[in-house]
C-alpha atoms as a PDB file:
ATOM      1  CA  MET A   1       0.147   0.159  -0.333  1.00  0.00           C
ATOM      2  CA  GLU A   2       2.790   2.263   0.706  1.00  0.00           C
ATOM      3  CA  ILE A   3       4.167   1.868  -2.545  1.00  0.00           C
ATOM      4  CA  LEU A   4       0.878   3.185  -4.312  1.00  0.00           C
ATOM      5  CA  ALA A   5       0.816   6.024  -2.212  1.00  0.00           C
ATOM      6  CA  ARG A   6       4.231   6.992  -2.892  1.00  0.00           C
ATOM      7  CA  TRP A   7       3.797   6.208  -6.574  1.00  0.00           C
ATOM      8  CA  LYS A   8       0.685   8.359  -6.778  1.00  0.00           C
ATOM      9  CA  GLU A   9       2.396  11.398  -4.762  1.00  0.00           C
ATOM     10  CA  LYS A  10       5.213  11.242  -7.324  1.00  0.00           C
ATOM     11  CA  ARG A  11       2.985  11.215 -10.253  1.00  0.00           C
ATOM     12  CA  GLN A  12       1.149  14.408  -8.673  1.00  0.00           C
ATOM     13  CA  GLU A  13       4.227  15.832  -8.246  1.00  0.00           C
ATOM     14  CA  THR A  14       5.554  15.098 -11.915  1.00  0.00           C
ATOM     15  CA  LYS A  15       2.410  16.222 -13.047  1.00  0.00           C
ATOM     16  CA  ARG A  16       2.562  19.724 -11.105  1.00  0.00           C
ATOM     17  CA  LYS A  17       6.292  20.071 -12.538  1.00  0.00           C
ATOM     18  CA  ASP A  18       4.844  19.912 -16.010  1.00  0.00           C
ATOM     19  CA  LEU A  19       2.038  21.883 -15.560  1.00  0.00           C
ATOM     20  CA  GLU A  20       4.175  24.632 -14.099  1.00  0.00           C
ATOM     21  CA  SER A  21       6.296  24.529 -16.576  1.00  0.00           C
ATOM     22  CA  GLN A  22       3.444  24.683 -19.473  1.00  0.00           C
ATOM     23  CA  SER A  23       2.006  27.823 -17.236  1.00  0.00           C
ATOM     24  CA  ARG A  24       5.391  29.662 -17.599  1.00  0.00           C
ATOM     25  CA  ARG A  25       5.353  29.063 -21.402  1.00  0.00           C
ATOM     26  CA  ARG A  26       1.378  30.153 -22.275  1.00  0.00           C
ATOM     27  CA  ILE A  27       0.782  32.814 -19.619  1.00  0.00           C
ATOM     28  CA  GLU A  28       3.238  35.801 -20.562  1.00  0.00           C
ATOM     29  CA  VAL A  29       3.519  39.567 -20.508  1.00  0.00           C
ATOM     30  CA  SER A  30       2.409  41.008 -24.232  1.00  0.00           C
ATOM     31  CA  ASP A  31       2.808  43.672 -25.859  1.00  0.00           C
ATOM     32  CA  PHE A  32      -0.728  44.504 -28.153  1.00  0.00           C
ATOM     33  CA  GLU A  33      -1.330  47.876 -29.690  1.00  0.00           C
ATOM     34  CA  ASP A  34       1.354  49.538 -27.782  1.00  0.00           C
ATOM     35  CA  LYS A  35      -0.057  48.231 -24.345  1.00  0.00           C
ATOM     36  CA  LEU A  36       1.206  45.358 -22.008  1.00  0.00           C
ATOM     37  CA  PHE A  37      -1.450  42.791 -20.886  1.00  0.00           C
ATOM     38  CA  ILE A  38      -1.064  39.629 -19.398  1.00  0.00           C
ATOM     39  CA  ALA A  39      -1.701  37.180 -22.052  1.00  0.00           C
ATOM     40  CA  ILE A  40      -2.434  33.265 -22.626  1.00  0.00           C
ATOM     41  CA  ASP A  41      -1.015  31.425 -25.479  1.00  0.00           C
ATOM     42  CA  GLY A  42      -0.275  35.122 -26.901  1.00  0.00           C
ATOM     43  CA  VAL A  43      -3.868  36.645 -26.487  1.00  0.00           C
ATOM     44  CA  PRO A  44      -4.200  39.535 -24.378  1.00  0.00           C
ATOM     45  CA  MET A  45      -6.666  38.671 -21.771  1.00  0.00           C
ATOM     46  CA  VAL A  46      -5.961  41.077 -18.637  1.00  0.00           C
ATOM     47  CA  PRO A  47      -4.530  44.740 -19.173  1.00  0.00           C
ATOM     48  CA  ILE A  48      -1.587  45.779 -16.935  1.00  0.00           C
ATOM     49  CA  GLU A  49      -2.119  49.357 -15.424  1.00  0.00           C
ATOM     50  CA  ALA A  50       0.513  51.888 -15.826  1.00  0.00           C
ATOM     51  CA  GLU A  51       1.035  52.428 -12.215  1.00  0.00           C
ATOM     52  CA  TRP A  52       1.801  48.784 -12.081  1.00  0.00           C
ATOM     53  CA  THR A  53       5.242  48.408 -10.619  1.00  0.00           C
ATOM     54  CA  THR A  54       7.713  45.451 -11.935  1.00  0.00           C
ATOM     55  CA  LYS A  55       6.838  43.792  -8.977  1.00  0.00           C
ATOM     56  CA  GLU A  56       3.429  43.817  -9.355  1.00  0.00           C
ATOM     57  CA  ILE A  57       3.181  42.480 -12.458  1.00  0.00           C
ATOM     58  CA  MET A  58       5.040  39.441 -11.618  1.00  0.00           C
ATOM     59  CA  GLU A  59       3.324  38.981  -8.723  1.00  0.00           C
ATOM     60  CA  ASN A  60      -0.363  38.982 -10.590  1.00  0.00           C
ATOM     61  CA  LEU A  61       1.485  36.621 -13.463  1.00  0.00           C
ATOM     62  CA  ASN A  62       2.385  34.279 -10.784  1.00  0.00           C
ATOM     63  CA  THR A  63      -0.712  34.176  -9.528  1.00  0.00           C
ATOM     64  CA  TYR A  64      -2.480  33.826 -12.795  1.00  0.00           C
ATOM     65  CA  ARG A  65       0.024  30.904 -13.645  1.00  0.00           C
ATOM     66  CA  GLN A  66      -0.408  29.349  -9.931  1.00  0.00           C
ATOM     67  CA  ASN A  67      -4.323  29.598 -10.891  1.00  0.00           C
ATOM     68  CA  TYR A  68      -3.714  27.551 -13.735  1.00  0.00           C
ATOM     69  CA  VAL A  69      -1.623  25.243 -12.028  1.00  0.00           C
ATOM     70  CA  ALA A  70      -4.440  24.612  -9.779  1.00  0.00           C
ATOM     71  CA  ALA A  71      -7.235  24.609 -11.733  1.00  0.00           C
ATOM     72  CA  LYS A  72      -5.745  21.729 -14.368  1.00  0.00           C
ATOM     73  CA  MET A  73      -4.632  19.564 -11.030  1.00  0.00           C
ATOM     74  CA  SER A  74      -8.123  19.885  -9.538  1.00  0.00           C
ATOM     75  CA  GLU A  75      -9.398  18.801 -13.292  1.00  0.00           C
ATOM     76  CA  SER A  76      -7.242  16.001 -13.315  1.00  0.00           C
ATOM     77  CA  THR A  77      -8.523  14.702  -9.876  1.00  0.00           C
ATOM     78  CA  SER A  78     -12.115  15.261 -10.730  1.00  0.00           C
ATOM     79  CA  SER A  79     -12.585  14.314 -13.978  1.00  0.00           C
ATOM     80  CA  VAL A  80     -14.431  10.941 -14.667  1.00  0.00           C
ATOM     81  CA  ALA A  81     -14.281   9.093 -17.618  1.00  0.00           C
ATOM     82  CA  VAL A  82     -17.159   8.778 -19.887  1.00  0.00           C
ATOM     83  CA  PHE A  83     -17.919   5.921 -22.479  1.00  0.00           C
END
């Protein structure tokens, strides 16, 4: 039983690392029509306010990436196969 638990834990950790890498590739700061946005797959989604500091931009970017990972991890644990 312990072996199975360790295997599941390792599998979850691997999936989390893969999703973190994916989130860094897919969610980024992008320029669109001379304005900065937080973009997903190059599509501008959240405008970056002029008064945001670099630190605030990075914190927001990190939050969106963490939310992405959490949502994807939740999908993988709650999905049910339909035949």
